[in-house]
């Protein structure tokens, strides 16, 4: 092994010369300028850590896991090298502010939400590629990465692994996309430390030391580590509630998503208007500029836009006058009946409320978190429904070896576990914000009006 990196989470991580060569490329160094938690620093000032540090952390975990799996699966040296590199490069394709910019084609502007303007749907035909597809483009077309990996064939093998392509080495694909997700194992610990909260602390060493690999290449933990595995699942759940879906962070990120979507619709301020433009950026010399600063410049330029909504949203973000929460409806259960009722009220009442307040309806932001589960399926899911799960979801279910069984079973199928009983439950949050830009009276009036709605 070559260079030694001292990581704040995992300690010493030894790199091969090839891995060091990849890290030293300009394409990989771009990750230093992508914050791991997007706009999370607005709420948690210490959360300024980057995709660069996270990617090296995933490599560190992958190295430990492959040491365990190597003998069990009879992995060859080239396979070990490839899977380590896939771990290192798994986030190479992230957009500025990560998922925030990636998903703007799915954003529904408020005037479309209330049914007055169909423009959003028209603008969604040419959607941005997801970050894994962008990652494949960078790995297989950027000259510095190609040179570091020794050519197109090798680069394609590694991209196939993190993209889960059908042409990927099936043995390695199972390992990298296992139930014990190396990506999550790193970011939970790294994010909790950076944010200064306790929710993501997990027993990483015990989990890794309890790993077993079945003959078919499926990863699970020994039965003695069930509690640590449950804790991992619960930590992920609480980190989403407390950090990733924090109401302040979620509000300013929704404002930014709406702003970027409006700028894309208007072909203004340098927002790529097509997937072709994104491809040209990430495969060309402009890749190094495709960082968080790319979005920061858009926000700054948009503060003087003639469009009221674009200007108000940009000023809210630029001046850190975060959108104020008017009301949220939170539920834990199999369904979100109250949330759907609140959504219906927003859809039918927001235009009238905006008119009474004398503001554009686009200064209201209705947003929902994705349904949050402790595990992707519950223990009480019937056999047919379990079989209908996407293969990727089945692969990612946390698994445990019971007795001397050759293959592990899903943790939710172990009756004495919390996940068996909680797995079918979902946490839902429906939120309505207002962009007040420093006008507290506007917030008070909006809250008073919405409080009277039938929810």
Protein backbone atom coordinates (compact mmCIF):
# COMPACT_ATOMS: atom_id res chain seq x y z
CA UNK A 1 0.00 0.00 0.00
CA UNK A 2 1.11 3.57 -0.72
CA UNK A 3 -0.06 6.78 0.91
CA UNK A 4 -1.65 6.94 4.37
CA UNK A 5 -4.59 9.28 5.00
CA UNK A 6 -5.68 10.07 8.55
CA UNK A 7 -9.47 10.39 8.53
CA UNK A 8 -11.40 12.11 11.33
CA UNK A 9 -13.88 9.21 11.50
CA UNK A 10 -11.99 6.04 10.60
CA UNK A 11 -8.43 6.91 11.50
CA UNK A 12 -5.71 5.55 9.21
CA UNK A 13 -6.81 4.70 5.67
CA UNK A 14 -4.13 3.27 3.39
CA UNK A 15 -4.35 3.98 -0.31
CA UNK A 16 -2.92 2.07 -3.23
CA UNK A 17 -0.90 4.06 -5.74
CA UNK A 18 -3.81 3.75 -8.16
CA UNK A 19 -6.30 5.13 -5.62
CA UNK A 20 -3.95 8.00 -4.86
CA UNK A 21 -3.76 8.73 -8.58
CA UNK A 22 -7.56 8.89 -8.80
CA UNK A 23 -7.82 11.16 -5.76
CA UNK A 24 -5.23 13.53 -7.21
CA UNK A 25 -7.23 14.15 -10.39
CA UNK A 26 -9.04 17.45 -10.85
CA UNK A 27 -12.28 15.52 -11.44
CA UNK A 28 -12.11 13.94 -7.98
CA UNK A 29 -10.81 17.07 -6.27
CA UNK A 30 -14.06 18.79 -7.33
CA UNK A 31 -15.71 16.89 -4.47
CA UNK A 32 -13.88 19.17 -2.02
CA UNK A 33 -16.27 21.90 -3.16
CA UNK A 34 -19.49 19.92 -2.67
CA UNK A 35 -20.90 19.99 0.86
CA UNK A 36 -22.16 16.62 2.03
CA UNK A 37 -25.28 18.07 3.68
CA UNK A 38 -26.16 20.70 1.10
CA UNK A 39 -27.64 23.63 2.98
CA UNK A 40 -27.57 21.81 6.30
CA UNK A 41 -25.04 24.32 7.60
CA UNK A 42 -27.85 26.88 7.83
CA UNK A 43 -29.20 24.88 10.77
CA UNK A 44 -26.02 23.13 11.91
CA UNK A 45 -23.07 25.54 11.44
CA UNK A 46 -20.49 22.76 11.73
CA UNK A 47 -21.99 20.73 8.88
CA UNK A 48 -19.55 21.97 6.24
CA UNK A 49 -17.91 18.60 5.56
CA UNK A 50 -17.61 17.49 1.95
CA UNK A 51 -18.28 14.68 -0.50
CA UNK A 52 -14.49 14.39 -0.79
CA UNK A 53 -14.02 13.31 2.84
CA UNK A 54 -17.09 11.07 2.69
CA UNK A 55 -15.84 9.28 -0.43
CA UNK A 56 -12.51 8.50 1.21
CA UNK A 57 -14.40 7.29 4.28
CA UNK A 58 -16.45 4.89 2.15
CA UNK A 59 -13.20 3.57 0.69
CA UNK A 60 -11.95 2.98 4.24
CA UNK A 61 -15.03 0.94 5.16
CA UNK A 62 -14.97 -0.91 1.84
CA UNK A 63 -11.36 -1.91 2.50
CA UNK A 64 -12.33 -3.47 5.84
CA UNK A 65 -15.32 -5.30 4.36
CA UNK A 66 -13.35 -6.68 1.42
CA UNK A 67 -10.73 -8.00 3.84
CA UNK A 68 -13.53 -10.11 5.36
CA UNK A 69 -15.22 -11.04 2.08
CA UNK A 70 -12.05 -11.75 0.13
CA UNK A 71 -11.44 -15.20 1.54
CA UNK A 72 -15.12 -16.14 1.80
CA UNK A 73 -15.77 -15.32 -1.86
CA UNK A 74 -12.35 -16.14 -3.24
CA UNK A 75 -11.96 -12.65 -4.68
CA UNK A 76 -9.03 -12.03 -7.00
CA UNK A 77 -6.70 -9.06 -6.61
CA UNK A 78 -8.24 -7.23 -9.59
CA UNK A 79 -11.73 -7.65 -8.14
CA UNK A 80 -10.62 -6.21 -4.79
CA UNK A 81 -9.04 -3.24 -6.56
CA UNK A 82 -12.20 -2.60 -8.57
CA UNK A 83 -14.59 -2.73 -5.65
CA UNK A 84 -12.40 -0.39 -3.59
CA UNK A 85 -12.33 2.06 -6.50
CA UNK A 86 -16.11 1.79 -6.93
CA UNK A 87 -16.50 2.77 -3.27
CA UNK A 88 -14.13 5.69 -3.73
CA UNK A 89 -15.88 6.93 -6.89
CA UNK A 90 -19.51 6.28 -5.95
CA UNK A 91 -20.27 10.01 -5.42
CA UNK A 92 -18.13 11.43 -8.24
CA UNK A 93 -21.26 12.48 -10.17
CA UNK A 94 -23.02 14.60 -7.57
CA UNK A 95 -24.49 17.91 -8.65
CA UNK A 96 -23.85 21.24 -6.90
CA UNK A 97 -25.62 21.01 -3.55
CA UNK A 98 -26.06 17.32 -4.35
CA UNK A 99 -29.63 16.05 -4.45
CA UNK A 100 -31.04 19.58 -4.27
CA UNK A 101 -30.15 20.45 -7.87
CA UNK A 102 -30.46 16.89 -9.17
CA UNK A 103 -34.22 16.74 -8.55
CA UNK A 104 -35.41 20.15 -9.73
CA UNK A 105 -37.28 18.57 -12.64
CA UNK A 106 -39.56 16.90 -10.10
CA UNK A 107 -40.37 20.22 -8.39
CA UNK A 108 -43.94 21.41 -8.76
CA UNK A 109 -44.20 25.19 -8.60
CA UNK A 110 -46.88 26.48 -6.27
CA UNK A 111 -49.01 28.02 -9.04
CA UNK A 112 -49.00 24.62 -10.78
CA UNK A 113 -49.81 22.87 -7.51
CA UNK A 114 -52.94 24.98 -7.07
CA UNK A 115 -53.85 24.29 -10.70
CA UNK A 116 -53.45 27.64 -12.40
CA UNK A 117 -50.47 27.07 -14.71
CA UNK A 118 -49.28 23.95 -16.60
CA UNK A 119 -45.76 25.22 -17.42
CA UNK A 120 -43.96 23.02 -14.90
CA UNK A 121 -45.11 19.84 -16.59
CA UNK A 122 -44.00 21.14 -20.01
CA UNK A 123 -40.49 21.80 -18.68
CA UNK A 124 -40.05 18.30 -17.30
CA UNK A 125 -39.71 16.42 -20.59
CA UNK A 126 -35.91 16.65 -20.69
CA UNK A 127 -34.95 15.74 -17.14
CA UNK A 128 -31.49 15.94 -15.65
CA UNK A 129 -29.68 12.62 -15.32
CA UNK A 130 -29.34 11.15 -11.82
CA UNK A 131 -25.98 11.51 -10.10
CA UNK A 132 -24.99 7.89 -10.74
CA UNK A 133 -25.43 8.36 -14.49
CA UNK A 134 -23.43 11.59 -14.26
CA UNK A 135 -20.80 9.64 -12.34
CA UNK A 136 -20.53 7.11 -15.14
CA UNK A 137 -20.09 9.92 -17.67
CA UNK A 138 -17.29 11.48 -15.62
CA UNK A 139 -15.48 8.20 -14.96
CA UNK A 140 -15.66 7.02 -18.58
CA UNK A 141 -15.15 10.34 -20.39
CA UNK A 142 -12.97 12.65 -18.28
CA UNK A 143 -9.38 12.24 -19.44
CA UNK A 144 -7.73 12.53 -16.02
CA UNK A 145 -9.89 9.76 -14.52
CA UNK A 146 -9.42 7.56 -17.58
CA UNK A 147 -5.66 7.95 -17.34
CA UNK A 148 -5.65 7.17 -13.61
CA UNK A 149 -7.71 4.00 -14.19
CA UNK A 150 -5.73 2.81 -17.19
CA UNK A 151 -8.30 3.23 -19.94
CA UNK A 152 -11.94 2.97 -20.98
CA UNK A 153 -12.47 -0.73 -20.32
CA UNK A 154 -11.36 -0.50 -16.69
CA UNK A 155 -13.30 2.71 -16.15
CA UNK A 156 -16.48 1.07 -17.48
CA UNK A 157 -16.04 -1.91 -15.12
CA UNK A 158 -15.89 0.39 -12.11
CA UNK A 159 -18.76 2.61 -13.26
CA UNK A 160 -20.87 -0.52 -13.82
CA UNK A 161 -20.41 -1.40 -10.16
CA UNK A 162 -21.62 1.84 -8.60
CA UNK A 163 -24.39 2.19 -11.22
CA UNK A 164 -25.62 -1.40 -10.79
CA UNK A 165 -25.52 -1.94 -14.55
CA UNK A 166 -26.43 -5.38 -15.87
CA UNK A 167 -22.88 -5.74 -17.18
CA UNK A 168 -21.40 -5.34 -13.68
CA UNK A 169 -19.49 -8.19 -12.04
CA UNK A 170 -22.44 -9.86 -10.21
CA UNK A 171 -20.31 -11.05 -7.31
CA UNK A 172 -18.94 -7.58 -6.63
CA UNK A 173 -22.26 -5.85 -7.26
CA UNK A 174 -23.86 -7.85 -4.43
CA UNK A 175 -21.05 -6.79 -2.16
CA UNK A 176 -21.13 -3.07 -2.90
CA UNK A 177 -24.94 -2.81 -2.81
CA UNK A 178 -25.37 -4.98 0.24
CA UNK A 179 -27.76 -4.70 3.16
CA UNK A 180 -24.96 -3.18 5.21
CA UNK A 181 -24.61 -0.11 3.01
CA UNK A 182 -21.03 1.23 3.17
CA UNK A 183 -22.28 4.63 2.03
CA UNK A 184 -24.72 4.93 4.95
CA UNK A 185 -22.25 3.50 7.44
CA UNK A 186 -19.94 6.41 6.72
CA UNK A 187 -22.33 9.30 6.29
CA UNK A 188 -24.36 8.55 9.43
CA UNK A 189 -21.28 8.79 11.62
CA UNK A 190 -19.71 11.67 9.67
CA UNK A 191 -22.91 13.72 9.53
CA UNK A 192 -23.72 13.24 13.21
CA UNK A 193 -20.24 14.36 14.22
CA UNK A 194 -20.28 17.40 11.94
CA UNK A 195 -23.79 18.45 12.98
CA UNK A 196 -23.04 17.94 16.66
CA UNK A 197 -26.04 15.68 17.31
CA UNK A 198 -26.06 12.19 18.87
CA UNK A 199 -28.62 10.48 16.64
CA UNK A 200 -26.32 8.85 14.07
CA UNK A 201 -23.86 7.20 16.42
CA UNK A 202 -23.58 3.50 15.60
CA UNK A 203 -21.34 0.64 16.67
CA UNK A 204 -19.42 0.44 13.41
CA UNK A 205 -16.59 -1.78 14.63
CA UNK A 206 -18.95 -4.37 16.10
CA UNK A 207 -21.06 -4.44 12.94
CA UNK A 208 -18.04 -4.95 10.69
CA UNK A 209 -16.48 -7.54 12.98
CA UNK A 210 -19.79 -9.45 12.98
CA UNK A 211 -20.06 -9.64 9.19
CA UNK A 212 -20.46 -12.92 7.38
CA UNK A 213 -20.71 -13.57 3.66
CA UNK A 214 -22.84 -16.41 2.31
CA UNK A 215 -21.72 -18.71 -0.48
CA UNK A 216 -23.89 -16.75 -2.89
CA UNK A 217 -22.20 -13.49 -1.89
CA UNK A 218 -24.94 -12.05 0.35
CA UNK A 219 -23.69 -10.02 3.32
CA UNK A 220 -25.30 -10.29 6.74
CA UNK A 221 -24.34 -10.05 10.39
CA UNK A 222 -24.18 -12.79 12.97
CA UNK A 223 -27.19 -13.14 15.24
CA UNK A 224 -25.29 -11.73 18.22
CA UNK A 225 -25.14 -8.36 16.41
CA UNK A 226 -28.91 -7.99 15.92
CA UNK A 227 -29.12 -5.17 18.48
CA UNK A 228 -26.32 -3.25 16.77
CA UNK A 229 -28.05 -3.73 13.41
CA UNK A 230 -31.38 -2.51 14.80
CA UNK A 231 -29.58 0.49 16.27
CA UNK A 232 -28.14 1.23 12.82
CA UNK A 233 -31.66 1.22 11.33
CA UNK A 234 -33.04 3.45 14.07
CA UNK A 235 -30.07 5.83 13.81
CA UNK A 236 -30.80 6.27 10.12
CA UNK A 237 -34.47 6.97 10.93
CA UNK A 238 -33.72 9.58 13.60
CA UNK A 239 -31.01 11.30 11.55
CA UNK A 240 -33.56 11.85 8.81
CA UNK A 241 -36.08 13.29 11.26
CA UNK A 242 -33.64 15.49 13.16
CA UNK A 243 -31.09 16.52 10.52
CA UNK A 244 -31.90 15.71 6.89
CA UNK A 245 -35.58 16.69 7.22
CA UNK A 246 -35.08 19.47 9.79
CA UNK A 247 -37.80 22.06 9.17
CA UNK A 248 -35.41 24.99 8.67
CA UNK A 249 -33.02 23.16 6.35
CA UNK A 250 -35.91 21.58 4.46
CA UNK A 251 -37.53 24.99 4.00
CA UNK A 252 -34.51 26.79 2.58
CA UNK A 253 -33.68 23.83 0.34
CA UNK A 254 -37.25 23.82 -0.99
CA UNK A 255 -36.90 27.56 -1.68
CA UNK A 256 -33.70 26.81 -3.62
CA UNK A 257 -35.31 23.96 -5.56
CA UNK A 258 -38.20 26.25 -6.53
CA UNK A 259 -35.78 29.02 -7.49
CA UNK A 260 -33.68 26.75 -9.70
CA UNK A 261 -36.80 25.34 -11.32
CA UNK A 262 -38.08 28.82 -12.13
CA UNK A 263 -34.70 29.82 -13.53
CA UNK A 264 -34.62 26.68 -15.67
CA UNK A 265 -38.10 27.44 -17.00
CA UNK A 266 -37.00 31.00 -17.82
CA UNK A 267 -33.62 29.89 -19.23
CA UNK A 268 -32.00 32.46 -16.96
CA UNK A 269 -28.95 32.91 -14.73
CA UNK A 270 -27.00 29.99 -16.18
CA UNK A 271 -29.17 27.10 -15.00
CA UNK A 272 -28.74 24.24 -17.52
CA UNK A 273 -31.98 23.96 -19.46
CA UNK A 274 -31.47 20.40 -20.70
CA UNK A 275 -29.78 17.12 -19.95
CA UNK A 276 -27.57 17.77 -22.97
CA UNK A 277 -26.18 20.91 -21.32
CA UNK A 278 -25.46 18.96 -18.14
CA UNK A 279 -23.64 16.28 -20.16
CA UNK A 280 -21.53 18.94 -21.86
CA UNK A 281 -20.53 20.39 -18.49
CA UNK A 282 -19.58 17.12 -16.81
CA UNK A 283 -17.69 15.67 -19.77
CA UNK A 284 -15.83 18.86 -20.64
CA UNK A 285 -13.43 21.37 -19.16
CA UNK A 286 -16.23 23.11 -17.20
CA UNK A 287 -16.59 20.18 -14.77
CA UNK A 288 -14.37 21.91 -12.21
CA UNK A 289 -16.81 24.83 -12.03
CA UNK A 290 -19.80 22.54 -11.35
CA UNK A 291 -19.59 22.96 -7.57
CA UNK A 292 -21.71 24.53 -4.84
CA UNK A 293 -20.37 27.89 -6.01
CA UNK A 294 -22.18 27.28 -9.33
CA UNK A 295 -25.53 27.47 -7.50
CA UNK A 296 -24.34 30.25 -5.19
CA UNK A 297 -23.70 32.45 -8.25
CA UNK A 298 -27.17 31.69 -9.62
CA UNK A 299 -28.73 32.71 -6.31
CA UNK A 300 -26.73 35.94 -6.13
CA UNK A 301 -27.55 36.93 -9.71
CA UNK A 302 -31.24 36.13 -9.23
CA UNK A 303 -31.60 38.58 -6.32
CA UNK A 304 -32.03 41.36 -8.91
CA UNK A 305 -34.35 39.44 -11.26
CA UNK A 306 -37.42 41.24 -12.59
CA UNK A 307 -39.66 38.28 -11.71
CA UNK A 308 -41.11 38.77 -8.22
CA UNK A 309 -40.97 35.09 -7.23
CA UNK A 310 -37.44 34.52 -8.50
CA UNK A 311 -36.26 37.70 -6.78
CA UNK A 312 -38.01 36.93 -3.47
CA UNK A 313 -36.75 33.33 -3.34
CA UNK A 314 -33.19 34.37 -4.18
CA UNK A 315 -33.16 37.15 -1.59
CA UNK A 316 -34.54 34.78 1.04
CA UNK A 317 -31.69 32.32 0.43
CA UNK A 318 -28.94 34.91 -0.08
CA UNK A 319 -29.82 36.85 3.09
CA UNK A 320 -30.50 33.69 5.12
CA UNK A 321 -34.05 34.84 5.81
CA UNK A 322 -35.25 31.27 5.75
CA UNK A 323 -38.85 30.54 4.74
CA UNK A 324 -41.06 30.44 7.82
CA UNK A 325 -43.07 27.35 8.64
CA UNK A 326 -46.76 28.21 8.53
CA UNK A 327 -47.99 24.75 9.47
CA UNK A 328 -46.91 21.15 9.34
CA UNK A 329 -48.89 17.94 9.64
CA UNK A 330 -46.85 15.00 10.92
CA UNK A 331 -48.04 11.39 11.13
CA UNK A 332 -46.59 8.00 11.99
CA UNK A 333 -48.48 5.05 10.61
CA UNK A 334 -49.23 3.00 7.54
CA UNK A 335 -51.08 5.89 5.85
CA UNK A 336 -51.05 9.70 6.00
CA UNK A 337 -54.74 10.58 5.92
CA UNK A 338 -54.38 13.90 7.77
CA UNK A 339 -51.50 14.87 5.53
CA UNK A 340 -53.52 14.26 2.38
CA UNK A 341 -56.34 16.37 3.81
CA UNK A 342 -53.89 19.20 4.52
CA UNK A 343 -52.53 18.90 0.97
CA UNK A 344 -56.06 19.22 -0.40
CA UNK A 345 -56.70 22.32 1.73
CA UNK A 346 -53.47 23.91 0.51
CA UNK A 347 -54.34 23.13 -3.09
CA UNK A 348 -57.75 24.80 -2.82
CA UNK A 349 -57.03 27.64 -0.39
CA UNK A 350 -53.56 29.02 -1.16
CA UNK A 351 -54.53 31.20 -4.12
CA UNK A 352 -57.22 32.97 -2.09
CA UNK A 353 -54.91 33.34 0.91
CA UNK A 354 -52.13 34.81 -1.23
CA UNK A 355 -54.58 37.33 -2.70
CA UNK A 356 -55.71 38.40 0.79
CA UNK A 357 -52.09 38.85 1.86
CA UNK A 358 -51.22 40.74 -1.31
CA UNK A 359 -48.41 38.41 -2.39
CA UNK A 360 -47.73 36.10 -5.33
CA UNK A 361 -48.89 32.56 -4.57
CA UNK A 362 -45.38 31.39 -5.43
CA UNK A 363 -44.14 32.78 -2.13
CA UNK A 364 -45.93 29.88 -0.46
CA UNK A 365 -43.98 26.63 -0.56
CA UNK A 366 -45.84 23.37 -0.05
CA UNK A 367 -43.47 20.43 0.41
CA UNK A 368 -43.55 16.90 1.73
CA UNK A 369 -40.75 14.73 3.00
CA UNK A 370 -40.46 11.32 1.41
CA UNK A 371 -42.19 8.66 3.56
CA UNK A 372 -39.62 7.64 6.14
CA UNK A 373 -39.42 4.03 7.31
CA UNK A 374 -37.19 2.19 9.74
CA UNK A 375 -36.84 -0.47 7.02
CA UNK A 376 -38.10 -0.62 3.43
CA UNK A 377 -40.56 -3.38 4.18
CA UNK A 378 -42.27 -4.56 7.29
CA UNK A 379 -42.19 -8.00 8.81
CA UNK A 380 -45.92 -8.31 8.24
CA UNK A 381 -45.69 -7.74 4.51
CA UNK A 382 -47.28 -10.70 2.77
CA UNK A 383 -45.16 -13.02 0.66
CA UNK A 384 -46.53 -11.77 -2.66
CA UNK A 385 -45.90 -8.11 -1.77
CA UNK A 386 -42.39 -8.95 -0.59
CA UNK A 387 -41.73 -10.73 -3.89
CA UNK A 388 -42.89 -7.64 -5.79
CA UNK A 389 -40.24 -5.45 -4.20
CA UNK A 390 -37.63 -4.16 -6.62
CA UNK A 391 -34.57 -6.41 -6.62
CA UNK A 392 -32.46 -3.43 -5.50
CA UNK A 393 -34.72 -2.99 -2.47
CA UNK A 394 -34.51 -6.69 -1.62
CA UNK A 395 -30.72 -6.54 -1.82
CA UNK A 396 -30.62 -3.59 0.56
CA UNK A 397 -32.82 -5.12 3.26
CA UNK A 398 -30.69 -5.64 6.37
CA UNK A 399 -29.91 -9.31 6.84
CA UNK A 400 -28.87 -11.57 9.69
CA UNK A 401 -27.60 -15.15 9.87
CA UNK A 402 -29.79 -17.29 12.12
CA UNK A 403 -28.22 -20.48 13.40
CA UNK A 404 -26.13 -22.34 10.86
CA UNK A 405 -28.20 -21.31 7.85
CA UNK A 406 -26.22 -20.89 4.65
CA UNK A 407 -28.09 -17.73 3.68
CA UNK A 408 -29.11 -14.78 5.89
CA UNK A 409 -32.71 -13.67 6.28
CA UNK A 410 -34.10 -10.14 6.44
CA UNK A 411 -33.95 -8.57 9.87
CA UNK A 412 -37.64 -7.68 9.68
CA UNK A 413 -38.44 -11.40 9.48
CA UNK A 414 -36.93 -12.04 12.92
CA UNK A 415 -40.00 -11.94 15.22
CA UNK A 416 -38.25 -10.67 18.35
CA UNK A 417 -36.87 -7.55 16.67
CA UNK A 418 -38.34 -4.05 16.83
CA UNK A 419 -38.15 -3.83 13.07
CA UNK A 420 -40.49 -6.80 12.71
CA UNK A 421 -43.20 -4.74 14.42
CA UNK A 422 -42.24 -1.22 13.28
CA UNK A 423 -41.16 -1.99 9.74
CA UNK A 424 -44.57 -1.29 8.21
CA UNK A 425 -44.81 2.14 9.86
CA UNK A 426 -44.00 5.32 7.94
CA UNK A 427 -43.27 8.84 9.16
CA UNK A 428 -44.87 11.54 7.02
CA UNK A 429 -44.43 15.32 7.17
CA UNK A 430 -46.46 17.77 5.09
CA UNK A 431 -45.20 21.34 5.41
CA UNK A 432 -46.33 24.77 4.27
CA UNK A 433 -43.82 27.64 4.29
CA UNK A 434 -44.02 31.30 3.42
CA UNK A 435 -41.19 33.42 2.04
CA UNK A 436 -41.67 36.51 4.20
CA UNK A 437 -38.34 38.28 3.54
CA UNK A 438 -38.29 39.87 6.96
CA UNK A 439 -42.00 40.71 7.30
CA UNK A 440 -43.14 38.98 10.52
CA UNK A 441 -46.70 40.30 10.19
CA UNK A 442 -47.08 38.29 7.00
CA UNK A 443 -46.15 35.12 8.87
CA UNK A 444 -48.60 35.82 11.70
CA UNK A 445 -51.49 36.46 9.32
CA UNK A 446 -50.73 33.34 7.30
CA UNK A 447 -50.55 31.15 10.40
CA UNK A 448 -53.82 32.54 11.74
CA UNK A 449 -55.60 31.82 8.46
CA UNK A 450 -54.21 28.31 7.97
CA UNK A 451 -54.99 27.37 11.58
CA UNK A 452 -58.68 27.62 10.70
CA UNK A 453 -58.46 25.12 7.86
CA UNK A 454 -60.18 21.77 8.26
CA UNK A 455 -57.19 19.53 9.08
